[in-house]
Amino acid sequence: TCKSMQLSWQQIYDADPDLVVIACCGFDLKRNEKDALAARELLKPLRAFKQGRIYAADGNLYFARPGPALREGIAILSRCAYDGDKDVVNELE
């Protein structure tokens, strides 16, 4: 198994992602939303923040363990990443 790894804010700034999904394993949606809001000032310099592409999800339910919900987690990530692409959205729905 592979352990998760922690990134420094500098590593995140250097990558300047166009999409951020906060879905920490072990935490539900409410906790991840709370953490995202708490990190708001740190997230502001990111392209993802400027483009309104910061999302929170239930990491415990959809990403932390194998099972049918993992498929839903993939759909959540796909929807976040490709929401503007009608063909992808149609396939997800």
N, C-alpha and C. Protein backbone atom coordinates (compact mmCIF):
# COMPACT_ATOMS: atom_id res chain seq x y z
N THR A 1 0.83 -1.19 0.00
CA THR A 1 0.00 0.00 0.00
C THR A 1 0.87 1.24 0.00
N CYS A 2 0.28 2.31 -0.44
CA CYS A 2 1.00 3.58 -0.52
C CYS A 2 0.37 4.56 0.46
N LYS A 3 1.19 5.17 1.24
CA LYS A 3 0.72 6.18 2.18
C LYS A 3 0.49 7.49 1.43
N SER A 4 -0.42 8.27 1.93
CA SER A 4 -0.60 9.59 1.34
C SER A 4 0.62 10.45 1.67
N MET A 5 0.81 11.46 0.88
CA MET A 5 1.94 12.33 1.15
C MET A 5 1.45 13.76 1.34
N GLN A 6 2.16 14.46 2.17
CA GLN A 6 1.80 15.84 2.45
C GLN A 6 2.65 16.78 1.59
N LEU A 7 1.99 17.76 1.00
CA LEU A 7 2.68 18.75 0.20
C LEU A 7 2.77 20.04 0.98
N SER A 8 3.86 20.75 0.78
CA SER A 8 3.98 22.06 1.39
C SER A 8 3.17 23.05 0.56
N TRP A 9 2.82 24.18 1.16
CA TRP A 9 2.12 25.21 0.39
C TRP A 9 2.99 25.68 -0.77
N GLN A 10 4.29 25.73 -0.56
CA GLN A 10 5.17 26.17 -1.66
C GLN A 10 5.10 25.21 -2.84
N GLN A 11 5.03 23.91 -2.57
CA GLN A 11 4.90 22.93 -3.65
C GLN A 11 3.57 23.13 -4.39
N ILE A 12 2.53 23.44 -3.65
CA ILE A 12 1.23 23.67 -4.27
C ILE A 12 1.27 24.95 -5.10
N TYR A 13 1.88 26.01 -4.56
CA TYR A 13 1.99 27.26 -5.32
C TYR A 13 2.82 27.05 -6.58
N ASP A 14 3.89 26.28 -6.47
CA ASP A 14 4.74 26.03 -7.63
C ASP A 14 3.97 25.28 -8.73
N ALA A 15 3.10 24.37 -8.33
CA ALA A 15 2.30 23.61 -9.30
C ALA A 15 1.16 24.46 -9.86
N ASP A 16 0.66 25.40 -9.08
CA ASP A 16 -0.45 26.28 -9.46
C ASP A 16 -1.55 25.51 -10.20
N PRO A 17 -2.20 24.56 -9.51
CA PRO A 17 -3.19 23.72 -10.19
C PRO A 17 -4.39 24.51 -10.68
N ASP A 18 -5.01 24.01 -11.74
CA ASP A 18 -6.22 24.66 -12.23
C ASP A 18 -7.47 24.06 -11.59
N LEU A 19 -7.28 23.07 -10.72
CA LEU A 19 -8.39 22.42 -10.02
C LEU A 19 -7.86 21.88 -8.70
N VAL A 20 -8.61 22.11 -7.62
CA VAL A 20 -8.25 21.55 -6.32
C VAL A 20 -9.50 20.88 -5.74
N VAL A 21 -9.35 19.63 -5.33
CA VAL A 21 -10.41 18.90 -4.65
C VAL A 21 -9.90 18.57 -3.26
N ILE A 22 -10.57 19.08 -2.26
CA ILE A 22 -10.21 18.79 -0.87
C ILE A 22 -11.12 17.66 -0.41
N ALA A 23 -10.53 16.48 -0.27
CA ALA A 23 -11.27 15.28 0.07
C ALA A 23 -10.38 14.38 0.94
N CYS A 24 -9.97 14.92 2.07
CA CYS A 24 -9.04 14.20 2.94
C CYS A 24 -9.67 12.91 3.45
N CYS A 25 -8.92 11.83 3.38
CA CYS A 25 -9.45 10.55 3.84
C CYS A 25 -9.68 10.61 5.35
N GLY A 26 -10.76 10.01 5.77
CA GLY A 26 -11.13 10.03 7.18
C GLY A 26 -12.04 11.20 7.53
N PHE A 27 -12.20 12.15 6.61
CA PHE A 27 -13.02 13.33 6.89
C PHE A 27 -14.24 13.36 5.98
N ASP A 28 -15.37 13.73 6.57
CA ASP A 28 -16.59 13.84 5.78
C ASP A 28 -16.66 15.19 5.07
N LEU A 29 -17.72 15.40 4.33
CA LEU A 29 -17.87 16.62 3.54
C LEU A 29 -17.82 17.86 4.42
N LYS A 30 -18.54 17.84 5.54
CA LYS A 30 -18.56 19.02 6.41
C LYS A 30 -17.16 19.39 6.89
N ARG A 31 -16.39 18.39 7.28
CA ARG A 31 -15.03 18.67 7.76
C ARG A 31 -14.15 19.20 6.63
N ASN A 32 -14.26 18.63 5.45
CA ASN A 32 -13.45 19.10 4.32
C ASN A 32 -13.87 20.50 3.88
N GLU A 33 -15.16 20.80 3.94
CA GLU A 33 -15.62 22.16 3.65
C GLU A 33 -15.04 23.14 4.67
N LYS A 34 -15.09 22.76 5.94
CA LYS A 34 -14.56 23.61 7.01
C LYS A 34 -13.07 23.87 6.79
N ASP A 35 -12.32 22.82 6.45
CA ASP A 35 -10.88 22.97 6.21
C ASP A 35 -10.62 23.85 4.98
N ALA A 36 -11.43 23.70 3.93
CA ALA A 36 -11.26 24.52 2.73
C ALA A 36 -11.51 25.99 3.05
N LEU A 37 -12.54 26.26 3.82
CA LEU A 37 -12.84 27.64 4.19
C LEU A 37 -11.74 28.22 5.09
N ALA A 38 -11.21 27.39 5.98
CA ALA A 38 -10.13 27.84 6.86
C ALA A 38 -8.86 28.16 6.07
N ALA A 39 -8.67 27.49 4.94
CA ALA A 39 -7.48 27.68 4.11
C ALA A 39 -7.71 28.71 3.00
N ARG A 40 -8.82 29.38 3.04
CA ARG A 40 -9.20 30.30 1.97
C ARG A 40 -8.09 31.28 1.60
N GLU A 41 -7.49 31.92 2.58
CA GLU A 41 -6.43 32.90 2.30
C GLU A 41 -5.22 32.24 1.64
N LEU A 42 -4.92 31.02 2.04
CA LEU A 42 -3.80 30.30 1.45
C LEU A 42 -4.11 29.85 0.02
N LEU A 43 -5.38 29.61 -0.24
CA LEU A 43 -5.80 29.15 -1.57
C LEU A 43 -5.92 30.29 -2.59
N LYS A 44 -6.10 31.51 -2.12
CA LYS A 44 -6.36 32.65 -3.01
C LYS A 44 -5.35 32.84 -4.14
N PRO A 45 -4.05 32.62 -3.91
CA PRO A 45 -3.10 32.85 -5.01
C PRO A 45 -3.20 31.83 -6.15
N LEU A 46 -3.89 30.74 -5.93
CA LEU A 46 -3.93 29.66 -6.92
C LEU A 46 -4.85 29.98 -8.10
N ARG A 47 -4.45 29.53 -9.25
CA ARG A 47 -5.27 29.64 -10.47
C ARG A 47 -6.64 29.00 -10.23
N ALA A 48 -6.68 27.87 -9.55
CA ALA A 48 -7.94 27.18 -9.27
C ALA A 48 -8.90 28.07 -8.48
N PHE A 49 -8.37 28.79 -7.51
CA PHE A 49 -9.20 29.69 -6.72
C PHE A 49 -9.74 30.81 -7.60
N LYS A 50 -8.87 31.40 -8.38
CA LYS A 50 -9.25 32.53 -9.23
C LYS A 50 -10.29 32.14 -10.27
N GLN A 51 -10.28 30.87 -10.66
CA GLN A 51 -11.24 30.37 -11.66
C GLN A 51 -12.46 29.70 -11.02
N GLY A 52 -12.54 29.75 -9.69
CA GLY A 52 -13.69 29.15 -9.01
C GLY A 52 -13.72 27.64 -9.09
N ARG A 53 -12.53 27.01 -9.04
CA ARG A 53 -12.45 25.56 -9.20
C ARG A 53 -11.82 24.89 -7.98
N ILE A 54 -12.28 25.30 -6.79
CA ILE A 54 -11.90 24.64 -5.54
C ILE A 54 -13.15 23.90 -5.07
N TYR A 55 -13.01 22.61 -4.84
CA TYR A 55 -14.14 21.78 -4.44
C TYR A 55 -13.81 21.02 -3.16
N ALA A 56 -14.85 20.67 -2.43
CA ALA A 56 -14.70 19.80 -1.26
C ALA A 56 -15.60 18.59 -1.48
N ALA A 57 -15.14 17.45 -0.99
CA ALA A 57 -15.92 16.22 -1.12
C ALA A 57 -15.73 15.38 0.14
N ASP A 58 -16.58 14.40 0.29
CA ASP A 58 -16.49 13.48 1.43
C ASP A 58 -15.38 12.46 1.13
N GLY A 59 -14.21 12.74 1.64
CA GLY A 59 -13.06 11.87 1.37
C GLY A 59 -13.21 10.50 1.99
N ASN A 60 -13.82 10.45 3.16
CA ASN A 60 -13.99 9.17 3.84
C ASN A 60 -14.91 8.24 3.05
N LEU A 61 -15.99 8.77 2.54
CA LEU A 61 -16.96 7.94 1.82
C LEU A 61 -16.51 7.59 0.41
N TYR A 62 -15.98 8.57 -0.33
CA TYR A 62 -15.76 8.37 -1.76
C TYR A 62 -14.33 8.06 -2.19
N PHE A 63 -13.35 8.25 -1.30
CA PHE A 63 -11.97 8.10 -1.75
C PHE A 63 -11.08 7.26 -0.86
N ALA A 64 -11.48 6.98 0.38
CA ALA A 64 -10.57 6.38 1.36
C ALA A 64 -10.53 4.85 1.33
N ARG A 65 -11.53 4.22 0.80
CA ARG A 65 -11.55 2.75 0.87
C ARG A 65 -12.19 2.15 -0.38
N PRO A 66 -11.77 0.96 -0.73
CA PRO A 66 -12.33 0.32 -1.92
C PRO A 66 -13.80 -0.05 -1.70
N GLY A 67 -14.53 -0.06 -2.78
CA GLY A 67 -15.94 -0.42 -2.72
C GLY A 67 -16.72 0.34 -3.77
N PRO A 68 -18.03 0.11 -3.82
CA PRO A 68 -18.85 0.75 -4.84
C PRO A 68 -18.81 2.28 -4.80
N ALA A 69 -18.63 2.87 -3.63
CA ALA A 69 -18.61 4.33 -3.52
C ALA A 69 -17.38 4.93 -4.22
N LEU A 70 -16.35 4.13 -4.40
CA LEU A 70 -15.16 4.62 -5.09
C LEU A 70 -15.50 5.03 -6.53
N ARG A 71 -16.41 4.29 -7.15
CA ARG A 71 -16.87 4.64 -8.50
C ARG A 71 -17.54 6.02 -8.49
N GLU A 72 -18.29 6.29 -7.44
CA GLU A 72 -18.93 7.60 -7.29
C GLU A 72 -17.87 8.69 -7.11
N GLY A 73 -16.79 8.36 -6.39
CA GLY A 73 -15.70 9.30 -6.20
C GLY A 73 -15.05 9.67 -7.52
N ILE A 74 -14.89 8.69 -8.39
CA ILE A 74 -14.33 8.96 -9.72
C ILE A 74 -15.28 9.88 -10.51
N ALA A 75 -16.57 9.64 -10.38
CA ALA A 75 -17.55 10.49 -11.06
C ALA A 75 -17.50 11.92 -10.52
N ILE A 76 -17.31 12.07 -9.21
CA ILE A 76 -17.19 13.41 -8.61
C ILE A 76 -15.97 14.12 -9.17
N LEU A 77 -14.84 13.44 -9.20
CA LEU A 77 -13.62 14.05 -9.76
C LEU A 77 -13.80 14.42 -11.22
N SER A 78 -14.43 13.54 -11.98
CA SER A 78 -14.66 13.80 -13.40
C SER A 78 -15.56 15.01 -13.59
N ARG A 79 -16.60 15.09 -12.77
CA ARG A 79 -17.53 16.22 -12.88
C ARG A 79 -16.81 17.53 -12.55
N CYS A 80 -15.97 17.52 -11.53
CA CYS A 80 -15.21 18.72 -11.16
C CYS A 80 -14.26 19.12 -12.30
N ALA A 81 -13.59 18.16 -12.87
CA ALA A 81 -12.58 18.44 -13.89
C ALA A 81 -13.18 18.79 -15.25
N TYR A 82 -14.31 18.18 -15.60
CA TYR A 82 -14.84 18.31 -16.96
C TYR A 82 -16.26 18.88 -17.00
N ASP A 83 -16.62 19.68 -16.02
CA ASP A 83 -17.99 20.19 -15.95
C ASP A 83 -18.40 20.97 -17.18
N GLY A 84 -17.47 21.62 -17.85
CA GLY A 84 -17.80 22.39 -19.04
C GLY A 84 -17.90 21.57 -20.31
N ASP A 85 -17.57 20.29 -20.24
CA ASP A 85 -17.58 19.42 -21.42
C ASP A 85 -18.89 18.63 -21.44
N LYS A 86 -19.80 19.02 -22.31
CA LYS A 86 -21.13 18.42 -22.34
C LYS A 86 -21.10 16.91 -22.57
N ASP A 87 -20.19 16.43 -23.40
CA ASP A 87 -20.11 15.00 -23.68
C ASP A 87 -19.76 14.22 -22.43
N VAL A 88 -18.79 14.73 -21.66
CA VAL A 88 -18.40 14.05 -20.42
C VAL A 88 -19.53 14.08 -19.41
N VAL A 89 -20.14 15.24 -19.24
CA VAL A 89 -21.25 15.38 -18.29
C VAL A 89 -22.39 14.43 -18.65
N ASN A 90 -22.72 14.32 -19.93
CA ASN A 90 -23.78 13.40 -20.36
C ASN A 90 -23.45 11.96 -20.01
N GLU A 91 -22.20 11.56 -20.18
CA GLU A 91 -21.79 10.20 -19.84
C GLU A 91 -21.88 9.94 -18.33
N LEU A 92 -21.57 10.98 -17.54
CA LEU A 92 -21.62 10.84 -16.09
C LEU A 92 -23.04 10.75 -15.57
N GLU A 93 -23.94 11.39 -16.26
CA GLU A 93 -25.33 11.40 -15.82
C GLU A 93 -26.03 10.20 -16.37
